[in-house]
């Protein structure tokens, strides 16, 4: 957008977002510089990285974790195993 290579962007995941996650900012000017530049581009929309944070999603994460623990303890292969 800055160099007219992309027509627009909608972003909900940003590098280094842990610096701003869960914080309240009074205005755009109080954001870290790397985000201020993005926000000020005319065809960029930013939203918080919180799509997972619904009651149903949290319930499913808990249920899946507990099920995998139960399966692992009983000698079964965990369905949602990571690594």
C-alpha atoms as a PDB file:
ATOM      1  CA  UNK A   1       0.000   0.000   0.000  1.00  0.00           C
ATOM      2  CA  UNK A   2       2.808   2.325   0.830  1.00  0.00           C
ATOM      3  CA  UNK A   3       4.497   1.412  -2.440  1.00  0.00           C
ATOM      4  CA  UNK A   4       1.218   0.681  -4.285  1.00  0.00           C
ATOM      5  CA  UNK A   5       1.986  -3.039  -4.536  1.00  0.00           C
ATOM      6  CA  UNK A   6      -1.071  -4.156  -2.518  1.00  0.00           C
ATOM      7  CA  UNK A   7      -4.549  -2.714  -2.874  1.00  0.00           C
ATOM      8  CA  UNK A   8      -5.544  -3.090   0.773  1.00  0.00           C
ATOM      9  CA  UNK A   9      -5.188  -5.294   3.833  1.00  0.00           C
ATOM     10  CA  UNK A  10      -7.272  -6.488   6.747  1.00  0.00           C
ATOM     11  CA  UNK A  11      -4.996  -7.644   9.568  1.00  0.00           C
ATOM     12  CA  UNK A  12      -5.756  -9.462  12.801  1.00  0.00           C
ATOM     13  CA  UNK A  13      -2.343 -11.054  13.419  1.00  0.00           C
ATOM     14  CA  UNK A  14       0.710  -8.832  13.689  1.00  0.00           C
ATOM     15  CA  UNK A  15       4.348  -9.515  14.409  1.00  0.00           C
ATOM     16  CA  UNK A  16       5.157  -8.458  17.955  1.00  0.00           C
ATOM     17  CA  UNK A  17       1.485  -8.052  18.892  1.00  0.00           C
ATOM     18  CA  UNK A  18       2.248  -9.213  22.420  1.00  0.00           C
ATOM     19  CA  UNK A  19       3.436  -5.627  23.043  1.00  0.00           C
ATOM     20  CA  UNK A  20      -0.072  -4.309  22.473  1.00  0.00           C
ATOM     21  CA  UNK A  21      -2.307  -7.286  23.288  1.00  0.00           C
ATOM     22  CA  UNK A  22      -4.705  -6.554  26.132  1.00  0.00           C
ATOM     23  CA  UNK A  23      -3.637  -2.933  26.507  1.00  0.00           C
ATOM     24  CA  UNK A  24      -5.909   0.070  26.107  1.00  0.00           C
ATOM     25  CA  UNK A  25      -4.635   2.968  24.010  1.00  0.00           C
ATOM     26  CA  UNK A  26      -6.172   6.409  24.286  1.00  0.00           C
ATOM     27  CA  UNK A  27      -5.554   7.199  20.628  1.00  0.00           C
ATOM     28  CA  UNK A  28      -3.677   5.974  17.557  1.00  0.00           C
ATOM     29  CA  UNK A  29      -0.737   8.203  18.409  1.00  0.00           C
ATOM     30  CA  UNK A  30       0.002   6.218  21.549  1.00  0.00           C
ATOM     31  CA  UNK A  31       0.556   2.969  19.635  1.00  0.00           C
ATOM     32  CA  UNK A  32       4.128   1.764  19.020  1.00  0.00           C
ATOM     33  CA  UNK A  33       5.579   3.276  15.826  1.00  0.00           C
ATOM     34  CA  UNK A  34       5.316   0.112  13.703  1.00  0.00           C
ATOM     35  CA  UNK A  35       1.554  -0.003  14.262  1.00  0.00           C
ATOM     36  CA  UNK A  36       0.980   3.723  13.876  1.00  0.00           C
ATOM     37  CA  UNK A  37       2.352   3.562  10.346  1.00  0.00           C
ATOM     38  CA  UNK A  38       0.002   0.689   9.446  1.00  0.00           C
ATOM     39  CA  UNK A  39      -3.054   2.310  11.018  1.00  0.00           C
ATOM     40  CA  UNK A  40      -2.441   5.536   9.134  1.00  0.00           C
ATOM     41  CA  UNK A  41      -2.415   3.850   5.719  1.00  0.00           C
ATOM     42  CA  UNK A  42      -5.774   4.547   4.038  1.00  0.00           C
ATOM     43  CA  UNK A  43      -6.591   0.979   2.954  1.00  0.00           C
ATOM     44  CA  UNK A  44      -5.537  -0.937   6.069  1.00  0.00           C
ATOM     45  CA  UNK A  45      -7.957  -2.267   8.657  1.00  0.00           C
ATOM     46  CA  UNK A  46      -6.608  -3.739  11.877  1.00  0.00           C
ATOM     47  CA  UNK A  47      -8.562  -5.729  14.422  1.00  0.00           C
ATOM     48  CA  UNK A  48      -7.503  -7.441  17.638  1.00  0.00           C
ATOM     49  CA  UNK A  49      -6.262 -11.015  17.376  1.00  0.00           C
ATOM     50  CA  UNK A  50      -9.211 -12.337  19.331  1.00  0.00           C
ATOM     51  CA  UNK A  51     -11.309 -14.426  16.939  1.00  0.00           C
ATOM     52  CA  UNK A  52     -10.736 -17.459  19.149  1.00  0.00           C
ATOM     53  CA  UNK A  53     -12.067 -15.709  22.236  1.00  0.00           C
ATOM     54  CA  UNK A  54     -15.696 -16.738  22.325  1.00  0.00           C
ATOM     55  CA  UNK A  55     -17.435 -18.853  24.950  1.00  0.00           C
ATOM     56  CA  UNK A  56     -17.826 -21.706  22.442  1.00  0.00           C
ATOM     57  CA  UNK A  57     -14.185 -21.576  21.308  1.00  0.00           C
ATOM     58  CA  UNK A  58     -12.859 -21.559  24.884  1.00  0.00           C
ATOM     59  CA  UNK A  59     -15.222 -24.416  25.809  1.00  0.00           C
ATOM     60  CA  UNK A  60     -14.020 -26.432  22.801  1.00  0.00           C
ATOM     61  CA  UNK A  61     -10.337 -25.787  23.627  1.00  0.00           C
ATOM     62  CA  UNK A  62     -10.893 -26.952  27.198  1.00  0.00           C
ATOM     63  CA  UNK A  63     -12.873 -30.033  26.139  1.00  0.00           C
ATOM     64  CA  UNK A  64     -10.309 -31.019  23.488  1.00  0.00           C
ATOM     65  CA  UNK A  65      -7.435 -30.601  25.953  1.00  0.00           C
ATOM     66  CA  UNK A  66      -9.146 -32.672  28.639  1.00  0.00           C
ATOM     67  CA  UNK A  67     -10.070 -35.380  26.121  1.00  0.00           C
ATOM     68  CA  UNK A  68      -6.464 -35.600  24.899  1.00  0.00           C
ATOM     69  CA  UNK A  69      -5.176 -35.837  28.469  1.00  0.00           C
ATOM     70  CA  UNK A  70      -7.629 -38.638  29.188  1.00  0.00           C
ATOM     71  CA  UNK A  71      -6.675 -40.485  25.987  1.00  0.00           C
ATOM     72  CA  UNK A  72      -2.941 -40.087  26.658  1.00  0.00           C
ATOM     73  CA  UNK A  73      -3.259 -41.363  30.241  1.00  0.00           C
ATOM     74  CA  UNK A  74      -5.207 -44.397  29.006  1.00  0.00           C
ATOM     75  CA  UNK A  75      -2.550 -45.215  26.381  1.00  0.00           C
ATOM     76  CA  UNK A  76      -4.426 -43.876  23.365  1.00  0.00           C
ATOM     77  CA  UNK A  77      -2.954 -41.444  20.854  1.00  0.00           C
ATOM     78  CA  UNK A  78      -3.992 -37.829  21.478  1.00  0.00           C
ATOM     79  CA  UNK A  79      -6.120 -36.495  18.602  1.00  0.00           C
ATOM     80  CA  UNK A  80      -4.910 -32.880  18.903  1.00  0.00           C
ATOM     81  CA  UNK A  81      -1.280 -33.727  19.657  1.00  0.00           C
ATOM     82  CA  UNK A  82       1.224 -30.961  18.899  1.00  0.00           C
ATOM     83  CA  UNK A  83       4.694 -32.085  17.794  1.00  0.00           C
END
